[in-house]
Amino acid sequence: MTEYAFLRGLYEDGYFPDQVVDKGRAVLIRLCERIEAQRPADLTALYALTHAATEEFNGLEAEFEAAGSEIETVAREEIGENFWYIATAYGFAEADVEELIAPREW
């Protein structure tokens, strides 16, 4: 996962400020680290980790807005795809992308 370009689409779009996208990327990296450290045994355990990471993204919404941006359709899809990529990379191909980010407020 260290080679994966998290949130690439957001970095490529000038609407999204890199300094806030960097924080989102850090959330995803921490999620990977938690999965590796805790080794969730099933989807329920994985969802607990992804929900905590989603809550961290919820906290970034104000920072996006302060920078003249927001987590809108393009960002939602990119973030969701990154969560799904992480889940499948760690052996959870059956994970539901909507459930991975269920507590989202964006």
Protein backbone atom coordinates (compact mmCIF):
# COMPACT_ATOMS: atom_id res chain seq x y z
CA MET A 1 0.00 0.00 0.00
CA THR A 2 2.98 2.33 0.42
CA GLU A 3 3.15 2.75 -3.36
CA TYR A 4 -0.56 3.52 -3.87
CA ALA A 5 -1.37 7.12 -4.84
CA PHE A 6 -4.13 7.90 -2.37
CA LEU A 7 -6.63 10.57 -3.46
CA ARG A 8 -4.85 11.07 -6.78
CA GLY A 9 -7.97 12.54 -8.40
CA LEU A 10 -8.21 15.22 -5.73
CA TYR A 11 -4.57 16.18 -6.11
CA GLU A 12 -5.07 16.49 -9.87
CA ASP A 13 -8.07 18.81 -9.46
CA GLY A 14 -7.15 22.38 -8.47
CA TYR A 15 -10.49 22.78 -6.68
CA PHE A 16 -9.21 20.69 -3.80
CA PRO A 17 -6.44 22.31 -1.72
CA ASP A 18 -3.41 20.06 -1.44
CA GLN A 19 -2.82 20.92 2.21
CA VAL A 20 -6.26 19.55 3.13
CA VAL A 21 -6.03 16.60 0.73
CA ASP A 22 -2.72 15.77 2.46
CA LYS A 23 -4.66 15.39 5.71
CA GLY A 24 -7.13 13.06 4.00
CA ARG A 25 -4.25 11.02 2.61
CA ALA A 26 -2.85 10.77 6.15
CA VAL A 27 -6.23 9.43 7.36
CA LEU A 28 -6.06 6.67 4.73
CA ILE A 29 -2.47 5.80 5.61
CA ARG A 30 -3.39 5.58 9.31
CA LEU A 31 -6.30 3.32 8.34
CA CYS A 32 -3.86 0.98 6.58
CA GLU A 33 -1.58 1.02 9.61
CA ARG A 34 -4.52 0.17 11.91
CA ILE A 35 -5.60 -2.69 9.66
CA GLU A 36 -2.06 -4.07 9.63
CA ALA A 37 -1.69 -3.72 13.40
CA GLN A 38 -5.13 -5.03 14.41
CA ARG A 39 -5.66 -7.56 11.61
CA PRO A 40 -9.49 -7.45 11.61
CA ALA A 41 -10.91 -10.96 11.52
CA ASP A 42 -14.13 -10.12 9.75
CA LEU A 43 -16.10 -7.36 8.05
CA THR A 44 -17.54 -6.12 11.34
CA ALA A 45 -14.06 -5.48 12.68
CA LEU A 46 -12.98 -3.88 9.40
CA TYR A 47 -16.04 -1.62 9.37
CA ALA A 48 -15.20 -0.42 12.89
CA LEU A 49 -11.82 0.75 11.59
CA THR A 50 -13.18 2.32 8.40
CA HIS A 51 -15.94 4.08 10.31
CA ALA A 52 -13.36 5.68 12.60
CA ALA A 53 -11.43 6.86 9.53
CA THR A 54 -14.63 8.19 7.97
CA GLU A 55 -15.25 10.23 11.12
CA GLU A 56 -11.78 11.74 10.63
CA PHE A 57 -12.81 12.74 7.10
CA ASN A 58 -15.97 14.28 8.54
CA GLY A 59 -13.71 16.52 10.60
CA LEU A 60 -11.94 17.72 7.46
CA GLU A 61 -15.09 19.15 5.88
CA ALA A 62 -14.68 22.47 7.71
CA GLU A 63 -11.07 22.71 6.53
CA PHE A 64 -12.13 22.11 2.94
CA GLU A 65 -14.78 24.82 3.27
CA ALA A 66 -12.35 27.28 4.86
CA ALA A 67 -10.08 26.76 1.85
CA GLY A 68 -12.94 27.47 -0.58
CA SER A 69 -13.67 23.84 -1.38
CA GLU A 70 -15.88 21.05 -0.11
CA ILE A 71 -16.23 17.30 -0.10
CA GLU A 72 -18.66 17.09 -3.00
CA THR A 73 -19.52 14.43 -5.57
CA VAL A 74 -16.06 14.05 -7.11
CA ALA A 75 -14.40 13.94 -3.71
CA ARG A 76 -17.00 11.54 -2.27
CA GLU A 77 -16.43 9.11 -5.12
CA GLU A 78 -12.64 9.36 -4.88
CA ILE A 79 -12.65 8.87 -1.11
CA GLY A 80 -15.09 5.96 -1.34
CA GLU A 81 -12.99 4.29 -4.04
CA ASN A 82 -9.89 4.64 -1.89
CA PHE A 83 -11.65 3.01 1.09
CA TRP A 84 -12.79 0.15 -1.17
CA TYR A 85 -9.29 -0.23 -2.60
CA ILE A 86 -7.87 -0.52 0.91
CA ALA A 87 -10.50 -3.08 1.91
CA THR A 88 -9.83 -5.26 -1.12
CA ALA A 89 -6.05 -4.93 -0.77
CA TYR A 90 -6.34 -6.36 2.74
CA GLY A 91 -8.48 -9.29 1.66
CA PHE A 92 -11.98 -7.91 2.12
CA ALA A 93 -13.22 -7.94 -1.47
CA GLU A 94 -16.77 -8.57 -0.25
CA ALA A 95 -16.84 -5.25 1.66
CA ASP A 96 -19.68 -2.92 0.77
CA VAL A 97 -18.32 0.50 -0.17
CA GLU A 98 -21.32 2.30 1.33
CA GLU A 99 -20.89 0.45 4.61
CA LEU A 100 -17.17 1.21 4.65
CA ILE A 101 -17.99 4.94 4.82
CA ALA A 102 -21.42 4.70 6.47
CA PRO A 103 -20.96 7.47 9.07
CA ARG A 104 -19.99 10.03 6.42
CA GLU A 105 -21.49 13.51 6.63
CA TRP A 106 -20.43 14.49 3.13
